[in-house]
Each structure stands twice: as structure tokens, then as C-alpha cells.
Amino acid sequence: MEPLLTKDEIADLLGVVQQEGQGTPQPSEKKTSGTTAPVREFNLFQRNNVADGQRRLPNLDVILDSFAQTLSVSLTNQLQRTFQILPQSIDAMTFRQYMETRENGVATGVLQLAPLKNGALLSFTPGLSFAIIEIMFGAALNVTPLELKRKLTTIEMHVLHSVMTNVCTEFDKSMEAIIPLKSSVIKIESDPSLLSITDPEAEVLIGRFTVGIGSISGTMEIIFPLSTFEPLREQFKNLLKSNRATHGGWADHIAEDVVEMPLTLIAQSGELSLPVRKILDMKVGDIIDIDYDPIAPLKVLVEDRLKFFAVSGVHNKKKVIHLTGVYEKGARHGRISR
């Protein structure tokens, strides 16, 4: 019988047993062909650049991803410039720590998240704020925005109000699967001392986004206390499950929209073909012969395509048609199944 282990393999095994309890076993000196790739650590808690904030509130990245996509389209339509908004990170810290990291002159909107008890903050970096303001005042596409080293004026913050209101609308849409929200901008401030949405030591979550407008780039942040969404933790956990259960994909959405789509329906008694010369020569009192058989059913056209046959009549002093058959290719008409 052939041995189960070779002499070299038995020696390696004995070496490992002797080193047990004395630290990490040393690798065998036996040479192997080729090179071994270095081991790369994998962080099970971090996904899509989502840091500590994701562990605080599950599936928050799903909400913010959807928010970024819809806001990109909305701002592009509102300002007629191509906006690209990408989620950057979700961080968790105390409200005091966050305020200590803020830059000077940052335009910050104080948001009310009705019906939730606590509000939120929405901030644009100075460069992004001035770029948006210039766009709203009609700056040309090829004009490089000014890099001003000053705070925003009251008028400039008022101009940003409509953009922040648009952000609130898109955030409400992204939260529909969790809770119906009606967010609004209470005020816009550039002085950090006037911003207070929770206790200094309360934990807040900060969602950061990179906003690109052509060659211009800036950062947008949305900040809300963890306690705001803490009562909705189960809804966040079950977000993906509820999406699978209640949404069947694009096919279901298209089917729902098609049912409500308006169509043009025409009851046609006959057709008449005339050259342009005869139409130009028409005058009041002329009699026009129509190829119409009063016994034959009317043709019912849906979007200019023959679909049904009908007879005309009167009901409640109004002209009506009564469907008598369904048009089938290869036959004059068919009967409606009852």
C-alpha cells in the first residue's frame, strides 16, 4: 500500500505540532513554484464606501443612492445643466464634532422633516453654492465660476432656497418606501452658531455627495440626528424585502401607466378622398357626396387603427355609439364575446 503522506509532508506536520501554543506557525522552507499573491483584508462592514454610519442604520445607502439618482435628473431639468451626483460616504459622529469640522461660509439649510420630530441640515460647499447661483443668474456654459473668499449674502442664500426645496422634494421621494415625508426649508444660514437641530453630544449621520456640473465639482451634505430615524429601524431593515414584495419591476410600472394612458377614439361613418383643387374650389352651398351606407356599421378607430364596429344612436339626449363587433384581420368583422 502506498503511504498516505510523503516524508516531507510528515516533517512539515511535526513542525507545526511542535510550534503549537508558541505563536503563529512558521511557514515551511520548502520551495514552491511560482509566487503567492499577498492576502488582502476584506471589511465586512464597509460597502460602497459606506463607513460607520451604515452600521447605525441599515439600508441607508440604498435610500441615498436612489436620492442621488433622482436629484441628478431633477437639478438637470431645473437648471438646464448636466448634474452628476454620486454618494461619497455615510459617517457617524456627535453633532458637536461635526460642527467643529465645518468650513466657514457654508450655505446650510435647516430642514423640517414632517411628521418626524427632529429636523435635518442640508449644506453646499462655497464653490458649489456660487456655481449654482451663477447658473441661476444665466451664466454662460463656458464661463468659469468665481472662487470668492466670502460668505454668501442674504440675497444669494434666498436664491439657493429654490434649489434646496428641490432637494427636499427628491429626498421625500426616496423615503416613500419607509415613511411619507413632507420636507421643507425653514431657513438658510451661513453662521454655524445659529444651527441647532439636536443636542451637542447627540449622534448624527452625515451623508456626503460629490456634485459635478461639467468641470465644476463640489460637495453636498445632508445631516440628521440618528434619533430621527431610530423609531423606523425595522422599516429600514425590511426595505429590500418590501421592495421585492410590492414592486414587480418595470413591467408592472409600465402596465399600470398604460391603463391610464389617454387615447383618441373616432367613430367613422365613411371616407372621402378629394384632390386639393376641388377643396380649394369649395364654396358655401356645395353638396359633397360621401361613400356612406346607413345600414353598415360604423368603423371605430383607436389611434387611427380599426378596432371595433358600432351602430349610432341617442341616449339621454346625447349621441352615442353601441359596439357590435371586434375587427379581426382577414374578416369583415367579428362579434364581441359575452
Protein backbone atom coordinates (compact mmCIF):
# COMPACT_ATOMS: atom_id res chain seq x y z
CA MET A 1 0.00 0.00 0.00
CA GLU A 2 1.33 3.42 -0.88
CA PRO A 3 1.94 5.82 2.07
CA LEU A 4 -0.72 8.48 2.64
CA LEU A 5 1.88 11.18 3.33
CA THR A 6 5.33 11.73 1.92
CA LYS A 7 8.38 12.17 4.15
CA ASP A 8 8.42 15.96 3.52
CA GLU A 9 4.73 16.30 4.35
CA ILE A 10 5.19 14.39 7.65
CA ALA A 11 8.10 16.68 8.57
CA ASP A 12 6.01 19.77 7.91
CA LEU A 13 3.19 18.37 10.06
CA LEU A 14 5.52 17.62 13.00
CA GLY A 15 6.96 21.12 12.76
CA VAL A 16 3.50 22.66 13.09
CA VAL A 17 2.62 20.45 16.10
CA GLN A 18 5.83 21.43 17.91
CA GLN A 19 5.15 25.14 17.41
CA GLU A 20 1.53 24.94 18.64
CA GLY A 21 0.99 27.26 21.59
CA GLN A 22 4.20 29.16 20.89
CA GLY A 23 2.77 31.69 18.45
CA THR A 24 1.91 31.64 14.81
CA PRO A 25 3.35 28.61 12.99
CA GLN A 26 6.22 29.44 10.66
CA PRO A 27 5.82 28.55 7.01
CA SER A 28 7.75 25.59 5.68
CA GLU A 29 11.04 26.29 4.00
CA LYS A 30 10.02 24.01 1.17
CA LYS A 31 10.28 25.88 -2.07
CA THR A 32 7.19 26.15 -4.21
CA SER A 33 6.94 27.05 -7.81
CA GLY A 34 5.58 30.49 -8.69
CA THR A 35 4.77 33.41 -6.37
CA THR A 36 1.98 33.64 -3.81
CA ALA A 37 -0.33 36.67 -4.03
CA PRO A 38 -0.49 38.77 -0.86
CA VAL A 39 -3.59 38.37 1.30
CA ARG A 40 -5.95 41.34 1.02
CA GLU A 41 -8.14 42.20 4.01
CA PHE A 42 -11.87 42.48 3.38
CA ASN A 43 -14.04 44.65 5.60
CA LEU A 44 -17.44 43.01 6.00
CA PHE A 45 -18.92 46.18 7.49
CA GLN A 46 -17.95 48.58 4.74
CA ARG A 47 -19.67 48.57 1.35
CA ASN A 48 -19.66 51.17 -1.42
CA ASN A 49 -17.52 53.48 0.69
CA VAL A 50 -20.14 53.42 3.42
CA ALA A 51 -18.43 53.89 6.77
CA ASP A 52 -19.64 53.72 10.35
CA GLY A 53 -22.97 55.39 9.58
CA GLN A 54 -24.21 52.39 7.59
CA ARG A 55 -23.96 50.11 10.63
CA ARG A 56 -26.02 52.62 12.60
CA LEU A 57 -28.93 52.50 10.14
CA PRO A 58 -29.22 49.51 7.77
CA ASN A 59 -30.02 50.10 4.08
CA LEU A 60 -29.49 53.83 4.44
CA ASP A 61 -27.11 53.62 1.47
CA VAL A 62 -29.96 52.26 -0.67
CA ILE A 63 -32.06 55.32 0.16
CA LEU A 64 -29.24 57.75 -0.54
CA ASP A 65 -28.28 56.04 -3.81
CA SER A 66 -31.85 56.44 -5.07
CA PHE A 67 -31.89 60.03 -3.79
CA ALA A 68 -28.69 60.88 -5.69
CA GLN A 69 -30.01 59.44 -8.96
CA THR A 70 -33.36 61.23 -8.90
CA LEU A 71 -31.79 64.51 -7.73
CA SER A 72 -29.31 64.44 -10.63
CA VAL A 73 -32.21 64.33 -13.11
CA SER A 74 -34.27 66.90 -11.21
CA LEU A 75 -31.49 69.52 -10.95
CA THR A 76 -30.55 68.95 -14.59
CA ASN A 77 -34.13 69.77 -15.59
CA GLN A 78 -34.41 72.71 -13.20
CA LEU A 79 -31.15 74.47 -14.08
CA GLN A 80 -30.66 73.19 -17.66
CA ARG A 81 -27.15 71.99 -16.87
CA THR A 82 -25.95 68.39 -16.61
CA PHE A 83 -25.66 67.46 -12.93
CA GLN A 84 -23.95 64.28 -11.77
CA ILE A 85 -24.45 63.47 -8.10
CA LEU A 86 -22.63 60.48 -6.60
CA PRO A 87 -22.82 59.18 -2.99
CA GLN A 88 -19.45 59.54 -1.29
CA SER A 89 -19.79 58.27 2.28
CA ILE A 90 -22.02 57.94 5.32
CA ASP A 91 -20.34 58.98 8.55
CA ALA A 92 -21.44 58.93 12.17
CA MET A 93 -20.25 61.36 14.88
CA THR A 94 -21.63 63.67 17.53
CA PHE A 95 -23.27 66.89 16.43
CA ARG A 96 -20.54 68.88 18.23
CA GLN A 97 -17.78 67.02 16.37
CA TYR A 98 -19.47 67.65 13.04
CA MET A 99 -19.85 71.38 13.69
CA GLU A 100 -16.14 71.59 14.55
CA THR A 101 -15.23 70.20 11.11
CA ARG A 102 -17.36 72.65 9.13
CA GLU A 103 -15.82 75.16 6.76
CA ASN A 104 -16.55 78.86 7.02
CA GLY A 105 -19.17 80.34 4.74
CA VAL A 106 -21.00 77.07 4.04
CA ALA A 107 -24.60 77.65 2.99
CA THR A 108 -26.71 75.42 5.22
CA GLY A 109 -30.45 74.94 5.03
CA VAL A 110 -32.39 73.97 8.14
CA LEU A 111 -34.96 71.38 7.10
CA GLN A 112 -38.19 70.27 8.69
CA LEU A 113 -38.94 66.58 8.10
CA ALA A 114 -42.64 66.42 8.86
CA PRO A 115 -44.03 64.36 10.54
CA LEU A 116 -40.71 63.38 12.22
CA LYS A 117 -39.88 65.21 15.43
CA ASN A 118 -36.32 66.29 14.54
CA GLY A 119 -35.14 68.27 11.56
CA ALA A 120 -32.07 67.98 9.36
CA LEU A 121 -29.37 70.13 7.75
CA LEU A 122 -28.53 70.45 4.06
CA SER A 123 -25.25 72.13 3.12
CA PHE A 124 -23.40 73.11 -0.07
CA THR A 125 -19.70 73.89 -0.10
CA PRO A 126 -18.92 77.54 -1.02
CA GLY A 127 -17.66 76.72 -4.52
CA LEU A 128 -20.78 74.69 -5.30
CA SER A 129 -23.05 77.43 -3.89
CA PHE A 130 -21.51 80.18 -6.03
CA ALA A 131 -21.60 77.94 -9.13
CA ILE A 132 -25.31 77.26 -8.69
CA ILE A 133 -26.04 80.96 -8.10
CA GLU A 134 -24.21 81.97 -11.28
CA ILE A 135 -26.08 79.32 -13.26
CA MET A 136 -29.41 80.58 -11.91
CA PHE A 137 -28.47 84.12 -12.98
CA GLY A 138 -27.80 82.89 -16.52
CA ALA A 139 -24.05 82.38 -16.68
CA ALA A 140 -22.77 81.01 -19.99
CA LEU A 141 -21.77 77.35 -20.25
CA ASN A 142 -18.10 78.15 -20.87
CA VAL A 143 -17.74 80.66 -18.02
CA THR A 144 -15.59 79.54 -15.09
CA PRO A 145 -17.36 80.33 -11.78
CA LEU A 146 -15.72 82.81 -9.45
CA GLU A 147 -13.93 81.45 -6.39
CA LEU A 148 -14.98 84.06 -3.85
CA LYS A 149 -13.49 84.06 -0.36
CA ARG A 150 -16.51 85.47 1.43
CA LYS A 151 -19.79 84.44 2.98
CA LEU A 152 -22.98 84.34 0.98
CA THR A 153 -25.19 87.40 1.14
CA THR A 154 -28.84 87.26 2.19
CA ILE A 155 -29.96 87.62 -1.42
CA GLU A 156 -27.67 84.80 -2.57
CA MET A 157 -28.97 82.48 0.14
CA HIS A 158 -32.52 83.36 -0.91
CA VAL A 159 -31.62 82.36 -4.49
CA LEU A 160 -30.42 78.95 -3.23
CA HIS A 161 -33.75 78.40 -1.49
CA SER A 162 -35.49 77.03 -4.60
CA VAL A 163 -32.67 74.56 -5.26
CA MET A 164 -32.75 73.29 -1.67
CA THR A 165 -36.53 72.96 -1.91
CA ASN A 166 -36.00 70.75 -4.96
CA VAL A 167 -33.56 68.65 -2.93
CA CYS A 168 -36.24 68.21 -0.24
CA THR A 169 -38.77 67.02 -2.83
CA GLU A 170 -36.42 64.35 -4.18
CA PHE A 171 -35.45 63.23 -0.67
CA ASP A 172 -39.14 62.75 0.13
CA LYS A 173 -39.49 60.55 -2.97
CA SER A 174 -36.56 58.37 -1.91
CA MET A 175 -38.13 57.92 1.55
CA GLU A 176 -41.57 56.85 0.30
CA ALA A 177 -40.78 53.16 0.93
CA ILE A 178 -40.01 53.98 4.60
CA ILE A 179 -42.40 56.79 5.56
CA PRO A 180 -44.29 59.56 3.71
CA LEU A 181 -42.36 62.78 4.33
CA LYS A 182 -43.12 66.39 3.54
CA SER A 183 -39.78 68.14 3.92
CA SER A 184 -39.37 71.89 3.70
CA VAL A 185 -36.62 74.50 4.09
CA ILE A 186 -37.19 76.62 7.19
CA LYS A 187 -34.22 78.94 6.71
CA ILE A 188 -30.72 79.10 5.23
CA GLU A 189 -27.77 80.18 7.38
CA SER A 190 -24.01 80.56 6.90
CA ASP A 191 -23.21 81.14 10.59
CA PRO A 192 -22.63 77.78 12.39
CA SER A 193 -23.60 79.26 15.75
CA LEU A 194 -27.19 79.66 14.51
CA LEU A 195 -27.56 75.98 13.60
CA SER A 196 -29.01 73.64 16.19
CA ILE A 197 -31.13 70.60 15.37
CA THR A 198 -30.19 68.37 18.33
CA ASP A 199 -28.08 68.17 21.49
CA PRO A 200 -24.31 68.71 21.03
CA GLU A 201 -23.49 65.17 22.19
CA ALA A 202 -26.28 63.50 20.19
CA GLU A 203 -25.14 61.24 17.37
CA VAL A 204 -25.78 62.40 13.82
CA LEU A 205 -25.42 60.71 10.44
CA ILE A 206 -23.80 62.65 7.60
CA GLY A 207 -24.44 61.63 4.00
CA ARG A 208 -21.86 63.18 1.68
CA PHE A 209 -22.28 63.51 -2.08
CA THR A 210 -19.97 64.67 -4.84
CA VAL A 211 -21.79 67.09 -7.15
CA GLY A 212 -20.38 67.55 -10.64
CA ILE A 213 -21.53 70.27 -13.08
CA GLY A 214 -19.34 69.88 -16.14
CA SER A 215 -15.81 70.71 -14.99
CA ILE A 216 -17.10 72.11 -11.68
CA SER A 217 -17.13 69.87 -8.62
CA GLY A 218 -18.37 70.39 -5.06
CA THR A 219 -19.75 68.59 -2.04
CA MET A 220 -23.28 68.38 -0.71
CA GLU A 221 -24.06 67.05 2.75
CA ILE A 222 -27.30 66.05 4.43
CA ILE A 223 -27.14 65.72 8.21
CA PHE A 224 -29.81 64.30 10.50
CA PRO A 225 -29.81 63.02 14.10
CA LEU A 226 -29.78 59.24 14.44
CA SER A 227 -32.74 59.55 16.82
CA THR A 228 -34.83 60.93 13.95
CA PHE A 229 -34.92 57.58 12.14
CA GLU A 230 -34.32 55.28 15.13
CA PRO A 231 -38.07 54.51 15.51
CA LEU A 232 -38.07 53.44 11.83
CA ARG A 233 -35.20 50.95 12.16
CA GLU A 234 -37.40 47.94 11.32
CA GLN A 235 -38.70 49.65 8.17
CA PHE A 236 -35.10 50.26 7.10
CA LYS A 237 -34.19 46.62 7.79
CA ASN A 238 -37.11 45.35 5.72
CA LEU A 239 -36.62 47.86 2.91
CA LEU A 240 -35.28 45.40 0.34
CA LYS A 241 -37.82 42.75 1.31
CA SER A 242 -40.73 45.18 0.91
CA ASN A 243 -39.36 46.35 -2.43
CA ARG A 244 -39.31 42.78 -3.72
CA ALA A 245 -42.77 42.07 -2.41
CA THR A 246 -44.53 45.19 -3.60
CA HIS A 247 -42.68 46.02 -6.80
CA GLY A 248 -42.55 43.62 -9.69
CA GLY A 249 -40.15 45.68 -11.75
CA TRP A 250 -40.52 47.85 -14.81
CA ALA A 251 -43.13 45.60 -16.39
CA ASP A 252 -45.62 46.27 -13.58
CA HIS A 253 -44.97 50.02 -13.63
CA ILE A 254 -45.45 50.17 -17.40
CA ALA A 255 -48.66 48.11 -17.18
CA GLU A 256 -50.07 50.47 -14.54
CA ASP A 257 -49.23 53.56 -16.59
CA VAL A 258 -50.63 52.12 -19.82
CA VAL A 259 -54.05 51.67 -18.20
CA GLU A 260 -54.21 55.43 -17.51
CA MET A 261 -52.85 56.49 -20.89
CA PRO A 262 -55.31 58.72 -22.88
CA LEU A 263 -56.20 57.58 -26.40
CA THR A 264 -58.07 59.11 -29.35
CA LEU A 265 -61.20 57.20 -30.40
CA ILE A 266 -63.09 58.04 -33.64
CA ALA A 267 -66.42 56.64 -34.86
CA GLN A 268 -66.16 56.85 -38.65
CA SER A 269 -69.21 56.65 -40.91
CA GLY A 270 -67.33 56.89 -44.20
CA GLU A 271 -64.31 58.16 -46.07
CA LEU A 272 -63.94 60.74 -48.79
CA SER A 273 -60.91 61.41 -50.99
CA LEU A 274 -60.71 64.72 -52.88
CA PRO A 275 -57.90 66.41 -54.77
CA VAL A 276 -56.58 69.68 -53.41
CA ARG A 277 -58.01 71.59 -56.44
CA LYS A 278 -61.60 70.62 -55.60
CA ILE A 279 -61.12 71.53 -51.94
CA LEU A 280 -59.80 74.98 -52.91
CA ASP A 281 -62.83 75.50 -55.20
CA MET A 282 -65.37 74.70 -52.48
CA LYS A 283 -67.93 77.36 -51.53
CA VAL A 284 -70.93 77.64 -49.27
CA GLY A 285 -73.86 75.56 -50.57
CA ASP A 286 -71.82 72.85 -52.31
CA ILE A 287 -73.03 69.28 -51.82
CA ILE A 288 -70.39 66.66 -51.13
CA ASP A 289 -71.22 63.01 -51.77
CA ILE A 290 -69.95 60.67 -49.04
CA ASP A 291 -69.48 56.95 -49.58
CA TYR A 292 -71.71 56.03 -46.63
CA ASP A 293 -74.06 53.07 -46.21
CA PRO A 294 -76.55 53.84 -43.37
CA ILE A 295 -77.12 50.11 -42.88
CA ALA A 296 -73.44 49.24 -42.50
CA PRO A 297 -71.88 49.53 -39.03
CA LEU A 298 -69.64 52.45 -38.11
CA LYS A 299 -65.91 51.91 -38.01
CA VAL A 300 -64.40 52.66 -34.58
CA LEU A 301 -60.74 53.71 -34.84
CA VAL A 302 -58.38 53.77 -31.85
CA GLU A 303 -55.33 55.93 -32.61
CA ASP A 304 -56.22 55.71 -36.34
CA ARG A 305 -56.34 51.90 -36.26
CA LEU A 306 -59.58 49.99 -36.88
CA LYS A 307 -60.50 48.06 -33.73
CA PHE A 308 -64.33 47.83 -33.43
CA PHE A 309 -67.63 48.14 -35.26
CA ALA A 310 -70.61 50.01 -33.84
CA VAL A 311 -74.08 51.48 -34.54
CA SER A 312 -75.01 55.07 -33.69
CA GLY A 313 -77.91 56.19 -31.50
CA VAL A 314 -79.11 58.64 -28.86
CA HIS A 315 -79.01 58.20 -25.07
CA ASN A 316 -80.04 60.87 -22.56
CA LYS A 317 -80.26 63.36 -25.45
CA LYS A 318 -76.63 62.70 -26.38
CA LYS A 319 -75.20 61.00 -29.43
CA VAL A 320 -73.70 57.62 -28.59
CA ILE A 321 -72.35 54.52 -30.30
CA HIS A 322 -73.02 50.90 -29.38
CA LEU A 323 -70.21 48.43 -30.07
CA THR A 324 -71.39 45.45 -32.10
CA GLY A 325 -68.18 43.68 -33.08
CA VAL A 326 -64.40 43.46 -32.93
CA TYR A 327 -62.29 43.92 -36.04
CA GLU A 328 -60.25 40.88 -36.99
CA LYS A 329 -57.73 40.75 -39.79
CA GLY A 330 -58.94 38.61 -42.66
CA ALA A 331 -62.63 39.01 -41.76
CA ARG A 332 -65.12 41.84 -42.21
CA HIS A 333 -65.94 41.92 -38.53
CA GLY A 334 -66.35 39.66 -35.57
CA ARG A 335 -68.75 39.57 -32.68
CA ILE A 336 -67.91 40.73 -29.15
CA SER A 337 -67.66 37.78 -26.83
CA ARG A 338 -70.12 37.94 -23.99
